[in-house]
Amino acid sequence: MEILDLYDRYRKKTGKTYIRGDVMPPNTYRLIVHVLIFDRDGRLLIQQRKAEKSMGGLWDITCGGACQSGENTDQAASRELYEELGIAFNFRGSRPILTANFKYGFDDFYMIHKNIRLEDLKLQEEEVSDARWASYDEVTRLMKRGKFVKYKKSFIDLLFDLEKDKRFMEI
């Protein structure tokens, strides 16, 4: 059972929590994080979601999940990355490269540049079935074939464009 903090529209904690999967009270929001890892060749580390999960079997960006009660997004990004792929990275003091607002909350995206050997990954058995490096062209091909989580192509374009601008990346 995951307990999540609730926020108002200005991203201020309301002091209330809810159990993930329950219906959120009206006019409340939650925090979500995603991590993108790019290698020196500009390829994105992607993961395949377990068949039993929502959007099961689809490929997705490196990792993501909800902030648990008491966490801020940099703590959640570190936890999710370690839980899902076994990669230890401390995001403390880091700012997300961008924040996307969605109907139920705020989604912070963190980006790092790190070469990782696939054989060193420790995939979370309950959530991740596979991982691999993918170029922009490979990701967009997966999207066209319906094999990637349904992000807007323009959003994927933005993420790969931001990767090229090293000023924004944690190293």
N, C-alpha and C. Protein backbone atom coordinates (compact mmCIF):
# COMPACT_ATOMS: atom_id res chain seq x y z
N MET A 1 0.85 -1.18 0.00
CA MET A 1 0.00 0.00 0.00
C MET A 1 0.90 1.24 0.00
N GLU A 2 0.68 2.09 -0.98
CA GLU A 2 1.45 3.34 -1.08
C GLU A 2 0.60 4.49 -0.57
N ILE A 3 1.14 5.25 0.37
CA ILE A 3 0.47 6.45 0.87
C ILE A 3 1.15 7.66 0.26
N LEU A 4 0.35 8.50 -0.38
CA LEU A 4 0.88 9.67 -1.09
C LEU A 4 0.34 10.95 -0.47
N ASP A 5 1.18 11.98 -0.45
CA ASP A 5 0.74 13.30 0.00
C ASP A 5 -0.14 13.92 -1.07
N LEU A 6 -1.07 14.74 -0.63
CA LEU A 6 -1.92 15.50 -1.54
C LEU A 6 -1.49 16.96 -1.55
N TYR A 7 -1.61 17.58 -2.72
CA TYR A 7 -1.17 18.96 -2.93
C TYR A 7 -2.31 19.78 -3.50
N ASP A 8 -2.20 21.11 -3.33
CA ASP A 8 -3.17 21.98 -3.98
C ASP A 8 -2.66 22.36 -5.37
N ARG A 9 -3.41 23.16 -6.07
CA ARG A 9 -3.05 23.50 -7.45
C ARG A 9 -1.75 24.30 -7.56
N TYR A 10 -1.29 24.86 -6.43
CA TYR A 10 -0.05 25.63 -6.41
C TYR A 10 1.14 24.78 -5.93
N ARG A 11 0.90 23.49 -5.82
CA ARG A 11 1.92 22.51 -5.43
C ARG A 11 2.31 22.65 -3.96
N LYS A 12 1.40 23.10 -3.17
CA LYS A 12 1.60 23.17 -1.72
C LYS A 12 0.91 21.98 -1.08
N LYS A 13 1.60 21.34 -0.12
CA LYS A 13 1.00 20.21 0.58
C LYS A 13 -0.26 20.66 1.31
N THR A 14 -1.29 19.82 1.23
CA THR A 14 -2.54 20.11 1.92
C THR A 14 -2.53 19.60 3.35
N GLY A 15 -1.56 18.75 3.68
CA GLY A 15 -1.54 18.11 5.00
C GLY A 15 -2.34 16.82 5.02
N LYS A 16 -2.93 16.47 3.87
CA LYS A 16 -3.72 15.24 3.77
C LYS A 16 -2.99 14.23 2.89
N THR A 17 -3.34 12.96 3.05
CA THR A 17 -2.76 11.89 2.24
C THR A 17 -3.90 11.05 1.67
N TYR A 18 -3.54 10.18 0.74
CA TYR A 18 -4.49 9.20 0.23
C TYR A 18 -3.72 7.95 -0.16
N ILE A 19 -4.45 6.86 -0.29
CA ILE A 19 -3.84 5.59 -0.66
C ILE A 19 -3.88 5.48 -2.18
N ARG A 20 -2.72 5.22 -2.77
CA ARG A 20 -2.64 5.11 -4.23
C ARG A 20 -3.64 4.06 -4.72
N GLY A 21 -4.39 4.44 -5.74
CA GLY A 21 -5.42 3.57 -6.28
C GLY A 21 -6.81 3.98 -5.85
N ASP A 22 -6.91 4.68 -4.71
CA ASP A 22 -8.20 5.21 -4.28
C ASP A 22 -8.52 6.45 -5.12
N VAL A 23 -9.76 6.86 -5.07
CA VAL A 23 -10.17 8.08 -5.76
C VAL A 23 -9.62 9.27 -4.98
N MET A 24 -8.96 10.17 -5.69
CA MET A 24 -8.42 11.37 -5.03
C MET A 24 -9.55 12.35 -4.75
N PRO A 25 -9.48 13.06 -3.62
CA PRO A 25 -10.48 14.10 -3.36
C PRO A 25 -10.43 15.18 -4.44
N PRO A 26 -11.55 15.84 -4.69
CA PRO A 26 -11.56 16.90 -5.71
C PRO A 26 -10.55 18.01 -5.39
N ASN A 27 -10.02 18.59 -6.43
CA ASN A 27 -9.09 19.72 -6.33
C ASN A 27 -7.83 19.40 -5.53
N THR A 28 -7.38 18.16 -5.62
CA THR A 28 -6.10 17.77 -5.03
C THR A 28 -5.25 17.12 -6.11
N TYR A 29 -3.95 17.10 -5.86
CA TYR A 29 -3.00 16.63 -6.86
C TYR A 29 -1.91 15.81 -6.18
N ARG A 30 -1.18 15.02 -6.99
CA ARG A 30 -0.08 14.22 -6.47
C ARG A 30 1.18 14.53 -7.27
N LEU A 31 2.33 14.10 -6.73
CA LEU A 31 3.61 14.29 -7.40
C LEU A 31 4.07 12.96 -8.00
N ILE A 32 4.51 13.03 -9.25
CA ILE A 32 5.06 11.88 -9.97
C ILE A 32 6.47 12.28 -10.43
N VAL A 33 7.35 11.30 -10.54
CA VAL A 33 8.70 11.56 -11.06
C VAL A 33 9.01 10.60 -12.20
N HIS A 34 9.84 11.06 -13.09
CA HIS A 34 10.42 10.22 -14.13
C HIS A 34 11.91 10.54 -14.20
N VAL A 35 12.69 9.53 -14.51
CA VAL A 35 14.13 9.71 -14.71
C VAL A 35 14.45 9.27 -16.12
N LEU A 36 15.25 10.08 -16.79
CA LEU A 36 15.76 9.75 -18.13
C LEU A 36 17.26 9.64 -18.03
N ILE A 37 17.80 8.51 -18.47
CA ILE A 37 19.25 8.34 -18.53
C ILE A 37 19.64 8.23 -20.00
N PHE A 38 20.53 9.13 -20.41
CA PHE A 38 21.08 9.10 -21.76
C PHE A 38 22.55 8.72 -21.67
N ASP A 39 23.02 7.95 -22.65
CA ASP A 39 24.44 7.62 -22.69
C ASP A 39 25.19 8.66 -23.53
N ARG A 40 26.48 8.49 -23.67
CA ARG A 40 27.31 9.47 -24.40
C ARG A 40 26.95 9.55 -25.89
N ASP A 41 26.27 8.52 -26.40
CA ASP A 41 25.87 8.53 -27.80
C ASP A 41 24.47 9.13 -28.00
N GLY A 42 23.88 9.65 -26.93
CA GLY A 42 22.55 10.25 -27.03
C GLY A 42 21.42 9.24 -27.04
N ARG A 43 21.71 7.99 -26.65
CA ARG A 43 20.65 6.98 -26.59
C ARG A 43 20.00 7.01 -25.21
N LEU A 44 18.73 6.72 -25.18
CA LEU A 44 17.94 6.71 -23.96
C LEU A 44 17.83 5.29 -23.42
N LEU A 45 18.04 5.13 -22.13
CA LEU A 45 17.81 3.84 -21.49
C LEU A 45 16.30 3.70 -21.31
N ILE A 46 15.72 2.67 -21.94
CA ILE A 46 14.29 2.44 -21.84
C ILE A 46 14.02 1.11 -21.15
N GLN A 47 12.85 1.00 -20.57
CA GLN A 47 12.47 -0.24 -19.90
C GLN A 47 11.14 -0.73 -20.45
N GLN A 48 10.97 -2.03 -20.41
CA GLN A 48 9.70 -2.63 -20.82
C GLN A 48 8.91 -2.97 -19.56
N ARG A 49 7.67 -2.48 -19.53
CA ARG A 49 6.81 -2.69 -18.38
C ARG A 49 6.33 -4.14 -18.34
N LYS A 50 6.22 -4.69 -17.14
CA LYS A 50 5.69 -6.05 -16.97
C LYS A 50 4.29 -6.13 -17.55
N ALA A 51 3.95 -7.25 -18.12
CA ALA A 51 2.65 -7.45 -18.75
C ALA A 51 1.49 -7.23 -17.79
N GLU A 52 1.68 -7.52 -16.50
CA GLU A 52 0.61 -7.41 -15.52
C GLU A 52 0.33 -5.97 -15.09
N LYS A 53 1.21 -5.03 -15.39
CA LYS A 53 1.05 -3.63 -14.98
C LYS A 53 0.16 -2.89 -15.97
N SER A 54 -0.29 -1.71 -15.56
CA SER A 54 -0.99 -0.87 -16.53
C SER A 54 -0.01 -0.55 -17.66
N MET A 55 -0.49 -0.50 -18.86
CA MET A 55 0.33 -0.31 -20.06
C MET A 55 1.36 -1.43 -20.17
N GLY A 56 0.96 -2.62 -19.71
CA GLY A 56 1.84 -3.77 -19.68
C GLY A 56 2.40 -4.14 -21.05
N GLY A 57 3.67 -4.51 -21.05
CA GLY A 57 4.36 -4.93 -22.26
C GLY A 57 4.91 -3.78 -23.09
N LEU A 58 4.51 -2.55 -22.78
CA LEU A 58 4.99 -1.40 -23.55
C LEU A 58 6.36 -0.96 -23.03
N TRP A 59 7.14 -0.40 -23.94
CA TRP A 59 8.41 0.22 -23.56
C TRP A 59 8.13 1.61 -23.02
N ASP A 60 8.98 2.08 -22.12
CA ASP A 60 8.79 3.37 -21.46
C ASP A 60 10.15 4.03 -21.26
N ILE A 61 10.14 5.29 -20.86
CA ILE A 61 11.39 5.96 -20.56
C ILE A 61 12.03 5.27 -19.36
N THR A 62 13.21 5.68 -18.96
CA THR A 62 14.04 4.95 -18.01
C THR A 62 13.29 4.45 -16.78
N CYS A 63 12.63 5.31 -16.03
CA CYS A 63 11.85 4.85 -14.88
C CYS A 63 10.94 5.97 -14.39
N GLY A 64 10.02 5.61 -13.52
CA GLY A 64 9.14 6.61 -12.95
C GLY A 64 8.22 6.03 -11.91
N GLY A 65 7.58 6.93 -11.16
CA GLY A 65 6.63 6.51 -10.15
C GLY A 65 6.17 7.67 -9.30
N ALA A 66 5.33 7.36 -8.35
CA ALA A 66 4.74 8.37 -7.47
C ALA A 66 5.66 8.66 -6.28
N CYS A 67 5.63 9.91 -5.84
CA CYS A 67 6.31 10.29 -4.60
C CYS A 67 5.50 9.78 -3.43
N GLN A 68 6.15 9.09 -2.53
CA GLN A 68 5.47 8.59 -1.35
C GLN A 68 5.37 9.70 -0.30
N SER A 69 4.47 9.52 0.64
CA SER A 69 4.27 10.52 1.68
C SER A 69 5.59 10.87 2.35
N GLY A 70 5.87 12.16 2.47
CA GLY A 70 7.09 12.64 3.11
C GLY A 70 8.26 12.82 2.16
N GLU A 71 8.16 12.33 0.94
CA GLU A 71 9.26 12.47 -0.03
C GLU A 71 9.08 13.74 -0.85
N ASN A 72 10.21 14.31 -1.27
CA ASN A 72 10.15 15.30 -2.33
C ASN A 72 10.55 14.59 -3.62
N THR A 73 10.51 15.28 -4.73
CA THR A 73 10.72 14.57 -6.00
C THR A 73 12.15 14.10 -6.20
N ASP A 74 13.15 14.82 -5.67
CA ASP A 74 14.51 14.31 -5.86
C ASP A 74 14.73 13.01 -5.07
N GLN A 75 14.12 12.90 -3.90
CA GLN A 75 14.20 11.65 -3.14
C GLN A 75 13.47 10.52 -3.87
N ALA A 76 12.30 10.82 -4.40
CA ALA A 76 11.52 9.81 -5.12
C ALA A 76 12.25 9.35 -6.38
N ALA A 77 12.91 10.29 -7.08
CA ALA A 77 13.66 9.92 -8.29
C ALA A 77 14.78 8.94 -7.95
N SER A 78 15.50 9.21 -6.87
CA SER A 78 16.58 8.30 -6.44
C SER A 78 16.00 6.93 -6.08
N ARG A 79 14.92 6.93 -5.32
CA ARG A 79 14.31 5.66 -4.88
C ARG A 79 13.80 4.85 -6.07
N GLU A 80 13.05 5.49 -6.96
CA GLU A 80 12.48 4.78 -8.12
C GLU A 80 13.57 4.20 -9.01
N LEU A 81 14.62 4.97 -9.25
CA LEU A 81 15.71 4.50 -10.11
C LEU A 81 16.38 3.26 -9.49
N TYR A 82 16.57 3.29 -8.18
CA TYR A 82 17.19 2.15 -7.52
C TYR A 82 16.23 0.95 -7.48
N GLU A 83 14.96 1.19 -7.15
CA GLU A 83 14.00 0.09 -7.08
C GLU A 83 13.81 -0.60 -8.43
N GLU A 84 13.64 0.19 -9.48
CA GLU A 84 13.29 -0.39 -10.78
C GLU A 84 14.47 -0.95 -11.54
N LEU A 85 15.65 -0.32 -11.42
CA LEU A 85 16.78 -0.74 -12.24
C LEU A 85 18.05 -1.04 -11.45
N GLY A 86 18.02 -0.81 -10.13
CA GLY A 86 19.20 -1.08 -9.32
C GLY A 86 20.32 -0.08 -9.50
N ILE A 87 20.00 1.12 -9.98
CA ILE A 87 20.99 2.17 -10.21
C ILE A 87 20.94 3.15 -9.05
N ALA A 88 22.06 3.29 -8.35
CA ALA A 88 22.15 4.25 -7.24
C ALA A 88 22.60 5.60 -7.80
N PHE A 89 21.78 6.62 -7.60
CA PHE A 89 22.13 7.98 -8.01
C PHE A 89 21.42 8.93 -7.06
N ASN A 90 22.16 9.84 -6.47
CA ASN A 90 21.59 10.78 -5.51
C ASN A 90 21.18 12.07 -6.24
N PHE A 91 19.90 12.32 -6.30
CA PHE A 91 19.39 13.52 -6.96
C PHE A 91 19.26 14.70 -6.00
N ARG A 92 19.71 14.53 -4.74
CA ARG A 92 19.56 15.59 -3.75
C ARG A 92 20.12 16.90 -4.29
N GLY A 93 19.35 17.95 -4.19
CA GLY A 93 19.77 19.25 -4.67
C GLY A 93 19.56 19.45 -6.16
N SER A 94 19.17 18.40 -6.86
CA SER A 94 18.93 18.51 -8.31
C SER A 94 17.53 19.07 -8.55
N ARG A 95 17.41 19.75 -9.64
CA ARG A 95 16.10 20.22 -10.07
C ARG A 95 15.68 19.42 -11.28
N PRO A 96 14.38 19.19 -11.44
CA PRO A 96 13.94 18.50 -12.65
C PRO A 96 14.23 19.33 -13.89
N ILE A 97 14.46 18.63 -14.99
CA ILE A 97 14.71 19.34 -16.24
C ILE A 97 13.43 19.99 -16.75
N LEU A 98 12.29 19.38 -16.39
CA LEU A 98 11.00 20.00 -16.70
C LEU A 98 9.93 19.38 -15.83
N THR A 99 8.84 20.11 -15.70
CA THR A 99 7.67 19.63 -14.97
C THR A 99 6.47 19.71 -15.91
N ALA A 100 5.75 18.61 -15.99
CA ALA A 100 4.53 18.58 -16.81
C ALA A 100 3.34 18.50 -15.86
N ASN A 101 2.37 19.36 -16.07
CA ASN A 101 1.13 19.28 -15.31
C ASN A 101 0.19 18.31 -16.02
N PHE A 102 -0.49 17.48 -15.24
CA PHE A 102 -1.50 16.60 -15.80
C PHE A 102 -2.73 16.67 -14.91
N LYS A 103 -3.80 16.05 -15.32
CA LYS A 103 -5.09 16.17 -14.63
C LYS A 103 -4.99 15.92 -13.13
N TYR A 104 -4.18 14.95 -12.72
CA TYR A 104 -4.14 14.57 -11.31
C TYR A 104 -2.88 15.01 -10.58
N GLY A 105 -2.04 15.83 -11.23
CA GLY A 105 -0.86 16.26 -10.50
C GLY A 105 0.24 16.88 -11.31
N PHE A 106 1.44 16.71 -10.79
CA PHE A 106 2.64 17.31 -11.34
C PHE A 106 3.64 16.18 -11.60
N ASP A 107 4.28 16.20 -12.75
CA ASP A 107 5.20 15.14 -13.16
C ASP A 107 6.57 15.78 -13.41
N ASP A 108 7.52 15.52 -12.51
CA ASP A 108 8.87 16.06 -12.64
C ASP A 108 9.75 15.07 -13.39
N PHE A 109 10.48 15.58 -14.36
CA PHE A 109 11.39 14.77 -15.17
C PHE A 109 12.83 15.16 -14.85
N TYR A 110 13.60 14.18 -14.40
CA TYR A 110 15.03 14.36 -14.13
C TYR A 110 15.82 13.68 -15.23
N MET A 111 16.96 14.28 -15.59
CA MET A 111 17.78 13.74 -16.66
C MET A 111 19.22 13.64 -16.22
N ILE A 112 19.84 12.49 -16.49
CA ILE A 112 21.26 12.34 -16.23
C ILE A 112 21.94 11.72 -17.45
N HIS A 113 23.24 11.91 -17.50
CA HIS A 113 24.06 11.40 -18.59
C HIS A 113 25.00 10.38 -17.97
N LYS A 114 24.81 9.11 -18.29
CA LYS A 114 25.59 8.06 -17.63
C LYS A 114 25.64 6.83 -18.52
N ASN A 115 26.83 6.34 -18.77
CA ASN A 115 26.96 5.07 -19.48
C ASN A 115 26.78 3.95 -18.48
N ILE A 116 25.86 3.06 -18.74
CA ILE A 116 25.56 1.95 -17.85
C ILE A 116 25.56 0.67 -18.67
N ARG A 117 26.20 -0.34 -18.14
CA ARG A 117 26.18 -1.64 -18.80
C ARG A 117 24.86 -2.32 -18.47
N LEU A 118 24.17 -2.80 -19.47
CA LEU A 118 22.87 -3.44 -19.26
C LEU A 118 22.98 -4.63 -18.32
N GLU A 119 24.08 -5.36 -18.39
CA GLU A 119 24.24 -6.52 -17.53
C GLU A 119 24.39 -6.14 -16.05
N ASP A 120 24.64 -4.87 -15.76
CA ASP A 120 24.75 -4.41 -14.36
C ASP A 120 23.40 -4.01 -13.77
N LEU A 121 22.36 -3.93 -14.60
CA LEU A 121 21.05 -3.54 -14.11
C LEU A 121 20.44 -4.66 -13.27
N LYS A 122 19.68 -4.28 -12.27
CA LYS A 122 18.93 -5.22 -11.44
C LYS A 122 17.45 -4.86 -11.61
N LEU A 123 16.78 -5.52 -12.55
CA LEU A 123 15.40 -5.19 -12.89
C LEU A 123 14.45 -5.60 -11.77
N GLN A 124 13.56 -4.69 -11.41
CA GLN A 124 12.55 -4.98 -10.39
C GLN A 124 11.57 -6.00 -10.95
N GLU A 125 11.56 -7.16 -10.35
CA GLU A 125 10.80 -8.30 -10.86
C GLU A 125 9.31 -7.98 -11.04
N GLU A 126 8.73 -7.20 -10.14
CA GLU A 126 7.29 -6.92 -10.20
C GLU A 126 6.91 -5.90 -11.27
N GLU A 127 7.88 -5.11 -11.73
CA GLU A 127 7.51 -4.00 -12.62
C GLU A 127 8.20 -3.99 -13.98
N VAL A 128 9.41 -4.51 -14.06
CA VAL A 128 10.22 -4.33 -15.27
C VAL A 128 10.58 -5.70 -15.85
N SER A 129 10.30 -5.88 -17.15
CA SER A 129 10.65 -7.16 -17.77
C SER A 129 11.92 -7.09 -18.60
N ASP A 130 12.32 -5.90 -19.06
CA ASP A 130 13.51 -5.78 -19.89
C ASP A 130 13.96 -4.33 -19.90
N ALA A 131 15.19 -4.10 -20.33
CA ALA A 131 15.73 -2.75 -20.49
C ALA A 131 16.74 -2.78 -21.62
N ARG A 132 16.86 -1.65 -22.30
CA ARG A 132 17.85 -1.54 -23.38
C ARG A 132 18.07 -0.08 -23.72
N TRP A 133 19.13 0.17 -24.47
CA TRP A 133 19.42 1.51 -24.97
C TRP A 133 18.69 1.69 -26.30
N ALA A 134 18.15 2.88 -26.53
CA ALA A 134 17.42 3.14 -27.78
C ALA A 134 17.71 4.56 -28.27
N SER A 135 17.97 4.66 -29.55
CA SER A 135 18.17 5.97 -30.17
C SER A 135 16.80 6.64 -30.36
N TYR A 136 16.84 7.90 -30.72
CA TYR A 136 15.60 8.62 -31.01
C TYR A 136 14.80 7.88 -32.08
N ASP A 137 15.47 7.46 -33.16
CA ASP A 137 14.77 6.76 -34.24
C ASP A 137 14.13 5.46 -33.75
N GLU A 138 14.84 4.74 -32.88
CA GLU A 138 14.28 3.48 -32.36
C GLU A 138 13.06 3.76 -31.48
N VAL A 139 13.12 4.78 -30.65
CA VAL A 139 11.97 5.12 -29.80
C VAL A 139 10.77 5.51 -30.66
N THR A 140 10.99 6.34 -31.67
CA THR A 140 9.85 6.77 -32.50
C THR A 140 9.30 5.61 -33.33
N ARG A 141 10.15 4.68 -33.74
CA ARG A 141 9.64 3.47 -34.43
C ARG A 141 8.76 2.64 -33.49
N LEU A 142 9.21 2.47 -32.24
CA LEU A 142 8.40 1.75 -31.26
C LEU A 142 7.06 2.46 -31.05
N MET A 143 7.08 3.78 -31.04
CA MET A 143 5.85 4.55 -30.86
C MET A 143 4.90 4.31 -32.03
N LYS A 144 5.41 4.36 -33.24
CA LYS A 144 4.57 4.15 -34.43
C LYS A 144 3.95 2.78 -34.45
N ARG A 145 4.65 1.79 -33.90
CA ARG A 145 4.14 0.41 -33.88
C ARG A 145 3.25 0.14 -32.67
N GLY A 146 3.02 1.18 -31.83
CA GLY A 146 2.18 1.00 -30.64
C GLY A 146 2.84 0.21 -29.54
N LYS A 147 4.18 0.20 -29.53
CA LYS A 147 4.92 -0.60 -28.56
C LYS A 147 5.61 0.26 -27.50
N PHE A 148 5.29 1.54 -27.47
CA PHE A 148 5.87 2.47 -26.49
C PHE A 148 4.71 3.19 -25.80
N VAL A 149 4.90 3.53 -24.52
CA VAL A 149 3.87 4.27 -23.78
C VAL A 149 3.47 5.48 -24.62
N LYS A 150 2.21 5.82 -24.60
CA LYS A 150 1.64 6.81 -25.50
C LYS A 150 1.95 8.27 -25.11
N TYR A 151 3.23 8.62 -25.17
CA TYR A 151 3.62 10.02 -25.04
C TYR A 151 3.37 10.68 -26.39
N LYS A 152 3.15 11.97 -26.39
CA LYS A 152 3.09 12.71 -27.66
C LYS A 152 4.48 12.68 -28.28
N LYS A 153 4.54 12.52 -29.59
CA LYS A 153 5.84 12.51 -30.26
C LYS A 153 6.58 13.82 -30.01
N SER A 154 5.86 14.93 -29.97
CA SER A 154 6.51 16.22 -29.72
C SER A 154 7.17 16.26 -28.34
N PHE A 155 6.62 15.52 -27.38
CA PHE A 155 7.22 15.45 -26.05
C PHE A 155 8.53 14.65 -26.10
N ILE A 156 8.51 13.54 -26.81
CA ILE A 156 9.74 12.74 -26.98
C ILE A 156 10.78 13.57 -27.73
N ASP A 157 10.34 14.33 -28.75
CA ASP A 157 11.26 15.23 -29.46
C ASP A 157 11.91 16.20 -28.47
N LEU A 158 11.11 16.77 -27.59
CA LEU A 158 11.62 17.73 -26.60
C LEU A 158 12.65 17.07 -25.69
N LEU A 159 12.36 15.87 -25.20
CA LEU A 159 13.30 15.20 -24.31
C LEU A 159 14.64 14.95 -24.99
N PHE A 160 14.61 14.49 -26.23
CA PHE A 160 15.87 14.25 -26.95
C PHE A 160 16.57 15.57 -27.28
N ASP A 161 15.80 16.64 -27.54
CA ASP A 161 16.41 17.95 -27.77
C ASP A 161 17.08 18.47 -26.50
N LEU A 162 16.43 18.29 -25.35
CA LEU A 162 17.02 18.71 -24.09
C LEU A 162 18.30 17.93 -23.78
N GLU A 163 18.34 16.67 -24.18
CA GLU A 163 19.53 15.86 -23.95
C GLU A 163 20.74 16.47 -24.65
N LYS A 164 20.53 17.07 -25.79
CA LYS A 164 21.64 17.66 -26.55
C LYS A 164 22.20 18.91 -25.87
N ASP A 165 21.40 19.54 -25.02
CA ASP A 165 21.83 20.77 -24.34
C ASP A 165 22.36 20.39 -22.96
N LYS A 166 23.63 20.10 -22.87
CA LYS A 166 24.25 19.55 -21.66
C LYS A 166 24.16 20.49 -20.46
N ARG A 167 23.78 21.75 -20.66
CA ARG A 167 23.67 22.68 -19.52
C ARG A 167 22.64 22.20 -18.51
N PHE A 168 21.66 21.42 -18.95
CA PHE A 168 20.57 21.04 -18.09
C PHE A 168 20.77 19.69 -17.41
N MET A 169 21.84 19.00 -17.72
CA MET A 169 21.97 17.61 -17.29
C MET A 169 22.85 17.44 -16.07
N GLU A 170 22.47 16.51 -15.22
CA GLU A 170 23.32 16.05 -14.13
C GLU A 170 24.33 15.08 -14.74
N ILE A 171 25.56 15.16 -14.33
CA ILE A 171 26.59 14.26 -14.84
C ILE A 171 27.03 13.31 -13.74
